């Protein structure tokens, strides 16, 4: 990195876009890419659920839907390739993604709520730009400039006119390499944790759901009848409210809006934080302590289990004792359970509700999740 700061320049996004007329483009018109065209294979579609506000989560490829090759050809203007950045223009507008060598596919179609940037590789490094747009500062800028309240918007014109501080290309690449190497290490650790979680879930299912023998523990030897059928002797069948100190709901929908977010304060847990066994302790929006106090019935803390009750139902994770924050607030689509620790542990309840049987029980009661 020999270049001095005098070689850094403020540029508009439009100045670093490629020469193609589609280097900056939005997704297709809404109804032309509706769910009736989705299928199980073909050209993948990037939707909001495939992007994240988490730095390093360049593309979330779980839950992809696809278009036929013929249908995708109709949307060549909205095709994104490796090296392209993808932004959300309606909804969670501070999401940004990058299609790079990690991606499963070389070509994607962006949905009607996304837009894409194909940078000029002679001027800007794609990975460097990804880190710029993923940064907290840029994320807050996008949120501050968004239009609308109930459904925030950030349009292509706004993206084109945004300015960033850009170093020479060689320095961009050096910075991106360092950050990318750290991200690769974090991703490897995340995969290892997922593997360990999968092993723990399998053991839980064998011993507590299927009642199969576990090496070192042996088989269950004595049995008795219960409301759920035959269970090991000495076990109990209890309802969730019998082992909970408290079950509570998230705040009323309009109580937390984009315009109430602040840079620091009480973190908000939403569905994106419930993708693993424990609440993912990063990439939060915040509200002030005073605002949280007005919503105190929705404040959660270490040891509490958080569920999603609307939208992506079936998500469940608990807040570990070593979490970054002492208190959090759940969003309007979540509810929580506080365990009676004399009867059950948060990890046990979480493993149960992540098991096939627990997931079935959650999804079977979608209209009355309060029975949990």
Protein backbone atom coordinates (compact mmCIF):
# COMPACT_ATOMS: atom_id res chain seq x y z
CA UNK A 1 0.00 0.00 0.00
CA UNK A 2 2.34 2.71 -1.24
CA UNK A 3 -0.27 5.14 -2.45
CA UNK A 4 -0.89 8.07 -0.13
CA UNK A 5 -4.28 9.38 0.86
CA UNK A 6 -3.97 12.13 -1.76
CA UNK A 7 -4.54 9.39 -4.34
CA UNK A 8 -7.93 8.57 -2.82
CA UNK A 9 -10.86 10.24 -4.59
CA UNK A 10 -14.52 10.80 -3.88
CA UNK A 11 -16.54 9.28 -6.74
CA UNK A 12 -20.18 8.69 -7.50
CA UNK A 13 -21.35 5.12 -7.96
CA UNK A 14 -22.35 5.97 -11.53
CA UNK A 15 -18.69 6.81 -12.27
CA UNK A 16 -17.43 3.33 -11.39
CA UNK A 17 -20.15 1.34 -13.17
CA UNK A 18 -19.19 -0.72 -16.21
CA UNK A 19 -19.74 0.46 -19.75
CA UNK A 20 -22.76 -1.76 -20.40
CA UNK A 21 -26.10 0.04 -20.42
CA UNK A 22 -27.26 -2.52 -17.85
CA UNK A 23 -24.32 -2.01 -15.48
CA UNK A 24 -26.75 -0.31 -13.11
CA UNK A 25 -30.20 -1.88 -13.32
CA UNK A 26 -33.27 -2.81 -11.34
CA UNK A 27 -35.12 -6.11 -11.27
CA UNK A 28 -38.01 -6.89 -13.62
CA UNK A 29 -41.43 -5.31 -13.26
CA UNK A 30 -43.25 -6.95 -10.33
CA UNK A 31 -45.83 -9.18 -11.98
CA UNK A 32 -43.46 -10.37 -14.71
CA UNK A 33 -41.37 -12.33 -12.20
CA UNK A 34 -44.05 -13.54 -9.81
CA UNK A 35 -44.03 -16.85 -7.97
CA UNK A 36 -46.07 -18.59 -10.67
CA UNK A 37 -42.88 -18.73 -12.77
CA UNK A 38 -40.72 -20.25 -10.01
CA UNK A 39 -39.49 -23.84 -10.31
CA UNK A 40 -37.00 -26.17 -8.65
CA UNK A 41 -34.15 -25.81 -11.14
CA UNK A 42 -32.89 -23.51 -13.86
CA UNK A 43 -31.55 -19.95 -13.42
CA UNK A 44 -31.59 -18.88 -9.74
CA UNK A 45 -33.42 -15.75 -8.58
CA UNK A 46 -31.94 -13.48 -5.91
CA UNK A 47 -34.62 -12.22 -3.53
CA UNK A 48 -34.41 -10.27 -0.29
CA UNK A 49 -34.07 -13.51 1.70
CA UNK A 50 -30.86 -14.26 -0.21
CA UNK A 51 -29.21 -11.04 0.93
CA UNK A 52 -28.10 -9.97 4.38
CA UNK A 53 -27.04 -6.92 6.35
CA UNK A 54 -24.35 -9.07 7.98
CA UNK A 55 -20.82 -8.24 6.83
CA UNK A 56 -19.29 -11.32 5.22
CA UNK A 57 -22.60 -12.99 4.29
CA UNK A 58 -22.10 -12.15 0.64
CA UNK A 59 -24.91 -14.33 -0.70
CA UNK A 60 -27.37 -16.55 1.19
CA UNK A 61 -28.07 -19.41 -1.20
CA UNK A 62 -30.47 -21.39 0.98
CA UNK A 63 -34.05 -21.12 -0.24
CA UNK A 64 -33.23 -20.12 -3.82
CA UNK A 65 -36.00 -20.32 -6.39
CA UNK A 66 -35.42 -20.69 -10.12
CA UNK A 67 -36.71 -19.63 -13.52
CA UNK A 68 -36.59 -21.60 -16.72
CA UNK A 69 -33.75 -20.68 -19.06
CA UNK A 70 -36.30 -19.30 -21.53
CA UNK A 71 -37.97 -17.11 -18.90
CA UNK A 72 -34.62 -15.87 -17.57
CA UNK A 73 -33.72 -14.74 -21.11
CA UNK A 74 -36.58 -12.24 -20.93
CA UNK A 75 -34.77 -10.57 -18.02
CA UNK A 76 -31.30 -10.16 -19.48
CA UNK A 77 -31.28 -6.55 -18.27
CA UNK A 78 -31.73 -7.83 -14.71
CA UNK A 79 -29.14 -10.62 -14.93
CA UNK A 80 -26.33 -10.51 -12.37
CA UNK A 81 -23.02 -12.30 -12.91
CA UNK A 82 -19.95 -12.98 -10.79
CA UNK A 83 -18.39 -9.66 -9.86
CA UNK A 84 -21.77 -7.91 -9.53
CA UNK A 85 -23.16 -6.36 -6.37
CA UNK A 86 -26.85 -6.70 -5.51
CA UNK A 87 -28.86 -4.27 -3.36
CA UNK A 88 -32.36 -4.32 -1.90
CA UNK A 89 -34.44 -1.35 -3.00
CA UNK A 90 -37.63 -2.06 -1.01
CA UNK A 91 -37.86 -3.41 2.52
CA UNK A 92 -34.52 -4.04 4.26
CA UNK A 93 -32.76 -1.46 2.11
CA UNK A 94 -29.37 -1.76 3.79
CA UNK A 95 -28.88 -5.32 2.52
CA UNK A 96 -26.09 -5.83 0.03
CA UNK A 97 -24.76 -8.96 -1.66
CA UNK A 98 -21.86 -9.95 -3.87
CA UNK A 99 -21.74 -12.69 -6.47
CA UNK A 100 -18.19 -14.03 -6.45
CA UNK A 101 -16.22 -17.27 -6.60
CA UNK A 102 -18.07 -18.52 -3.51
CA UNK A 103 -21.39 -18.52 -5.35
CA UNK A 104 -22.90 -21.80 -6.57
CA UNK A 105 -23.92 -20.33 -9.91
CA UNK A 106 -22.32 -17.96 -12.39
CA UNK A 107 -25.56 -16.23 -13.38
CA UNK A 108 -28.62 -15.06 -11.42
CA UNK A 109 -31.72 -12.97 -12.07
CA UNK A 110 -32.49 -10.31 -9.46
CA UNK A 111 -36.06 -9.97 -8.24
CA UNK A 112 -38.35 -6.98 -8.56
CA UNK A 113 -37.18 -5.62 -5.17
CA UNK A 114 -33.48 -5.69 -5.99
CA UNK A 115 -31.02 -3.72 -8.12
CA UNK A 116 -27.52 -4.53 -9.27
CA UNK A 117 -24.20 -2.84 -9.96
CA UNK A 118 -21.65 -4.25 -12.40
CA UNK A 119 -18.46 -2.31 -11.57
CA UNK A 120 -15.84 -1.36 -14.12
CA UNK A 121 -13.01 -3.70 -13.13
CA UNK A 122 -10.46 -1.13 -14.32
CA UNK A 123 -11.69 1.33 -11.71
CA UNK A 124 -13.10 -0.61 -8.79
CA UNK A 125 -12.64 -3.99 -7.13
CA UNK A 126 -15.96 -5.73 -6.50
CA UNK A 127 -14.96 -7.19 -3.13
CA UNK A 128 -13.67 -3.82 -1.93
CA UNK A 129 -16.98 -2.22 -2.94
CA UNK A 130 -18.86 -4.95 -1.10
CA UNK A 131 -17.05 -4.11 2.13
CA UNK A 132 -17.66 -0.40 1.58
CA UNK A 133 -21.42 -0.88 1.15
CA UNK A 134 -21.59 -3.44 3.97
CA UNK A 135 -19.93 -1.10 6.45
CA UNK A 136 -22.03 0.32 9.33
CA UNK A 137 -21.40 3.85 8.07
CA UNK A 138 -22.74 3.14 4.58
CA UNK A 139 -25.59 1.05 5.95
CA UNK A 140 -26.68 3.97 8.14
CA UNK A 141 -26.39 6.36 5.19
CA UNK A 142 -28.68 4.20 3.10
CA UNK A 143 -31.20 3.92 5.93
CA UNK A 144 -31.07 7.68 6.50
CA UNK A 145 -31.69 8.40 2.81
CA UNK A 146 -34.45 5.81 2.38
CA UNK A 147 -37.93 6.97 1.47
CA UNK A 148 -41.16 5.79 3.08
CA UNK A 149 -41.70 4.50 6.61
CA UNK A 150 -43.74 1.30 6.71
CA UNK A 151 -41.86 -0.09 3.67
CA UNK A 152 -38.56 1.79 3.23
CA UNK A 153 -37.33 2.35 -0.31
CA UNK A 154 -33.94 3.13 -1.85
CA UNK A 155 -34.05 3.56 -5.61
CA UNK A 156 -31.61 3.27 -8.49
CA UNK A 157 -31.25 7.04 -8.83
CA UNK A 158 -30.18 7.27 -5.21
CA UNK A 159 -27.67 4.47 -5.66
CA UNK A 160 -26.19 6.09 -8.76
CA UNK A 161 -25.66 9.42 -6.99
CA UNK A 162 -24.12 7.97 -3.80
CA UNK A 163 -20.51 8.97 -3.24
CA UNK A 164 -17.71 6.83 -1.81
CA UNK A 165 -14.04 7.39 -1.06
CA UNK A 166 -12.07 5.26 -3.52
CA UNK A 167 -8.33 4.47 -3.32
CA UNK A 168 -6.26 3.35 -6.32
CA UNK A 169 -7.20 -0.08 -7.66
CA UNK A 170 -4.10 -1.86 -6.30
CA UNK A 171 -4.85 -0.55 -2.82
CA UNK A 172 -8.50 -1.58 -3.11
CA UNK A 173 -7.39 -5.10 -3.97
CA UNK A 174 -4.94 -5.24 -1.05
CA UNK A 175 -7.59 -4.08 1.42
CA UNK A 176 -10.15 -6.50 0.00
CA UNK A 177 -7.65 -9.37 0.22
CA UNK A 178 -7.01 -8.77 3.93
CA UNK A 179 -10.70 -8.47 4.79
CA UNK A 180 -11.58 -11.41 2.55
CA UNK A 181 -8.99 -13.63 4.25
CA UNK A 182 -10.48 -12.81 7.66
CA UNK A 183 -13.96 -13.51 6.30
CA UNK A 184 -12.83 -16.88 4.96
CA UNK A 185 -11.57 -17.82 8.43
CA UNK A 186 -14.86 -16.69 10.01
CA UNK A 187 -16.81 -18.68 7.42
CA UNK A 188 -14.73 -21.80 8.15
CA UNK A 189 -15.42 -21.43 11.89
CA UNK A 190 -19.14 -20.96 11.16
CA UNK A 191 -19.23 -24.16 9.12
CA UNK A 192 -17.45 -26.06 11.89
CA UNK A 193 -20.02 -24.77 14.39
CA UNK A 194 -22.84 -25.85 12.08
CA UNK A 195 -21.33 -29.32 11.90
CA UNK A 196 -21.11 -29.56 15.68
CA UNK A 197 -24.70 -28.30 15.98
CA UNK A 198 -25.84 -30.98 13.53
CA UNK A 199 -24.12 -33.67 15.59
CA UNK A 200 -25.73 -32.37 18.79
CA UNK A 201 -29.17 -32.30 17.14
CA UNK A 202 -28.73 -35.87 15.93
CA UNK A 203 -27.80 -37.07 19.42
CA UNK A 204 -30.76 -35.19 20.91
CA UNK A 205 -33.14 -36.77 18.39
CA UNK A 206 -31.83 -40.30 19.00
CA UNK A 207 -32.00 -40.07 22.79
CA UNK A 208 -34.96 -37.76 23.50
CA UNK A 209 -37.24 -38.22 20.46
CA UNK A 210 -36.58 -41.69 19.08
CA UNK A 211 -35.42 -43.15 22.42
CA UNK A 212 -32.55 -44.92 20.67
CA UNK A 213 -29.39 -46.01 22.54
CA UNK A 214 -26.45 -43.61 22.63
CA UNK A 215 -22.83 -44.83 22.91
CA UNK A 216 -21.71 -44.26 26.48
CA UNK A 217 -25.28 -43.93 27.75
CA UNK A 218 -26.69 -47.22 26.56
CA UNK A 219 -30.37 -47.98 25.85
CA UNK A 220 -33.41 -46.96 27.85
CA UNK A 221 -34.31 -50.07 29.87
CA UNK A 222 -37.61 -49.31 31.63
CA UNK A 223 -40.74 -47.86 30.05
CA UNK A 224 -44.15 -46.54 31.02
CA UNK A 225 -47.25 -45.31 29.21
CA UNK A 226 -48.03 -41.60 28.76
CA UNK A 227 -50.30 -39.26 26.80
CA UNK A 228 -47.67 -39.35 24.06
CA UNK A 229 -47.29 -43.10 24.09
CA UNK A 230 -44.52 -45.20 25.62
CA UNK A 231 -41.72 -43.16 27.25
CA UNK A 232 -38.73 -44.03 29.45
CA UNK A 233 -39.70 -44.57 33.07
CA UNK A 234 -39.32 -41.47 35.23
CA UNK A 235 -39.76 -39.01 32.33
CA UNK A 236 -42.64 -36.54 32.36
CA UNK A 237 -44.96 -35.13 29.70
CA UNK A 238 -45.45 -31.40 30.35
CA UNK A 239 -46.82 -28.46 28.39
CA UNK A 240 -44.56 -25.56 27.62
CA UNK A 241 -46.39 -23.20 29.99
CA UNK A 242 -45.67 -25.66 32.81
CA UNK A 243 -41.90 -25.33 32.34
CA UNK A 244 -41.84 -21.62 31.49
CA UNK A 245 -41.45 -18.75 33.92
CA UNK A 246 -42.77 -16.44 31.21
CA UNK A 247 -43.93 -16.36 27.58
CA UNK A 248 -44.16 -12.92 25.93
CA UNK A 249 -44.83 -11.33 22.56
CA UNK A 250 -42.97 -8.74 20.53
CA UNK A 251 -44.24 -5.14 20.43
CA UNK A 252 -47.13 -3.90 18.33
CA UNK A 253 -46.06 -3.47 14.69
CA UNK A 254 -45.79 0.31 14.53
CA UNK A 255 -43.85 0.50 17.80
CA UNK A 256 -40.52 -0.14 16.05
CA UNK A 257 -39.91 1.58 12.72
CA UNK A 258 -36.84 2.44 10.67
CA UNK A 259 -36.96 6.05 11.77
CA UNK A 260 -36.63 4.94 15.42
CA UNK A 261 -33.29 3.20 14.79
CA UNK A 262 -30.16 4.65 16.39
CA UNK A 263 -26.46 3.83 16.11
CA UNK A 264 -26.22 2.29 19.58
CA UNK A 265 -28.62 1.28 22.30
CA UNK A 266 -30.75 -1.83 22.82
CA UNK A 267 -30.31 -4.34 19.94
CA UNK A 268 -33.37 -5.65 18.09
CA UNK A 269 -33.63 -9.41 17.47
CA UNK A 270 -35.37 -10.27 14.20
CA UNK A 271 -35.71 -13.37 12.04
CA UNK A 272 -32.24 -12.97 10.53
CA UNK A 273 -30.74 -13.61 13.97
CA UNK A 274 -32.53 -16.96 14.41
CA UNK A 275 -30.76 -18.99 11.75
CA UNK A 276 -28.74 -21.18 14.12
CA UNK A 277 -28.93 -22.86 17.52
CA UNK A 278 -28.05 -19.64 19.34
CA UNK A 279 -29.12 -16.10 18.46
CA UNK A 280 -26.58 -14.69 15.98
CA UNK A 281 -25.00 -11.91 17.99
CA UNK A 282 -24.22 -9.36 15.28
CA UNK A 283 -25.65 -7.08 12.62
CA UNK A 284 -28.30 -5.46 14.82
CA UNK A 285 -30.44 -2.40 14.48
CA UNK A 286 -30.86 -0.51 17.76
CA UNK A 287 -33.41 1.58 19.59
CA UNK A 288 -32.74 3.90 22.52
CA UNK A 289 -32.88 2.65 26.10
CA UNK A 290 -35.81 5.00 26.72
CA UNK A 291 -37.71 3.53 23.76
CA UNK A 292 -36.98 0.00 24.97
CA UNK A 293 -38.26 0.86 28.45
CA UNK A 294 -41.63 1.76 26.90
CA UNK A 295 -41.66 -1.72 25.33
CA UNK A 296 -40.37 -3.49 28.44
CA UNK A 297 -42.73 -6.46 28.03
CA UNK A 298 -40.76 -7.38 24.90
CA UNK A 299 -37.29 -7.13 26.43
CA UNK A 300 -35.37 -10.43 26.49
CA UNK A 301 -32.11 -11.39 28.12
CA UNK A 302 -29.54 -14.16 28.35
CA UNK A 303 -31.13 -17.58 28.53
CA UNK A 304 -34.37 -16.57 26.83
CA UNK A 305 -35.58 -18.51 23.78
CA UNK A 306 -36.86 -16.52 20.80
CA UNK A 307 -39.36 -17.84 18.23
CA UNK A 308 -40.73 -16.39 14.99
CA UNK A 309 -44.55 -16.39 14.93
CA UNK A 310 -45.20 -14.67 11.59
CA UNK A 311 -43.44 -14.97 8.26
CA UNK A 312 -40.71 -17.61 8.45
CA UNK A 313 -42.40 -19.65 11.18
CA UNK A 314 -40.28 -22.37 12.73
CA UNK A 315 -37.24 -20.23 13.53
CA UNK A 316 -36.07 -20.68 17.11
CA UNK A 317 -32.82 -19.92 18.95
CA UNK A 318 -31.76 -18.99 22.46
CA UNK A 319 -29.60 -16.17 23.81
CA UNK A 320 -26.42 -17.68 25.30
CA UNK A 321 -24.94 -16.65 28.62
CA UNK A 322 -21.86 -15.22 26.89
CA UNK A 323 -23.89 -13.02 24.51
CA UNK A 324 -22.56 -9.60 23.60
CA UNK A 325 -25.43 -7.73 25.24
CA UNK A 326 -27.28 -8.25 28.51
CA UNK A 327 -30.70 -7.21 27.17
CA UNK A 328 -32.32 -7.22 23.74
CA UNK A 329 -35.75 -6.40 22.38
CA UNK A 330 -37.60 -8.73 20.02
CA UNK A 331 -39.32 -7.50 16.88
CA UNK A 332 -43.04 -7.61 16.23
CA UNK A 333 -42.74 -11.02 14.50
CA UNK A 334 -41.12 -12.75 17.48
CA UNK A 335 -42.18 -14.08 20.84
CA UNK A 336 -40.06 -15.50 23.63
CA UNK A 337 -39.99 -18.10 26.38
CA UNK A 338 -38.14 -17.80 29.69
CA UNK A 339 -37.46 -21.24 31.16
CA UNK A 340 -38.05 -22.39 34.70
CA UNK A 341 -34.45 -23.51 35.19
CA UNK A 342 -35.45 -25.91 37.96
CA UNK A 343 -37.31 -27.95 35.33
CA UNK A 344 -35.67 -27.41 31.95
CA UNK A 345 -32.74 -25.69 30.24
CA UNK A 346 -32.92 -23.30 27.25
CA UNK A 347 -30.67 -25.60 25.20
CA UNK A 348 -32.99 -28.58 25.75
CA UNK A 349 -36.08 -26.60 24.67
CA UNK A 350 -34.27 -25.18 21.65
CA UNK A 351 -33.06 -28.62 20.56
CA UNK A 352 -36.59 -29.92 20.88
CA UNK A 353 -38.14 -27.17 18.74
CA UNK A 354 -35.42 -27.55 16.13
CA UNK A 355 -36.08 -31.29 15.91
CA UNK A 356 -38.50 -32.59 13.23
CA UNK A 357 -41.15 -33.26 15.87
CA UNK A 358 -40.75 -29.81 17.41
CA UNK A 359 -40.87 -28.13 14.01
CA UNK A 360 -44.03 -30.07 13.20
CA UNK A 361 -45.65 -28.86 16.42
CA UNK A 362 -44.72 -25.26 15.67
CA UNK A 363 -46.00 -25.35 12.12
CA UNK A 364 -49.14 -27.28 13.06
CA UNK A 365 -50.12 -24.48 15.45
CA UNK A 366 -49.42 -21.49 13.24
CA UNK A 367 -52.82 -19.97 13.87
CA UNK A 368 -52.49 -20.23 17.65
CA UNK A 369 -48.80 -20.05 18.48
CA UNK A 370 -49.68 -18.62 21.87
CA UNK A 371 -50.40 -22.19 23.08
CA UNK A 372 -46.64 -22.64 23.28
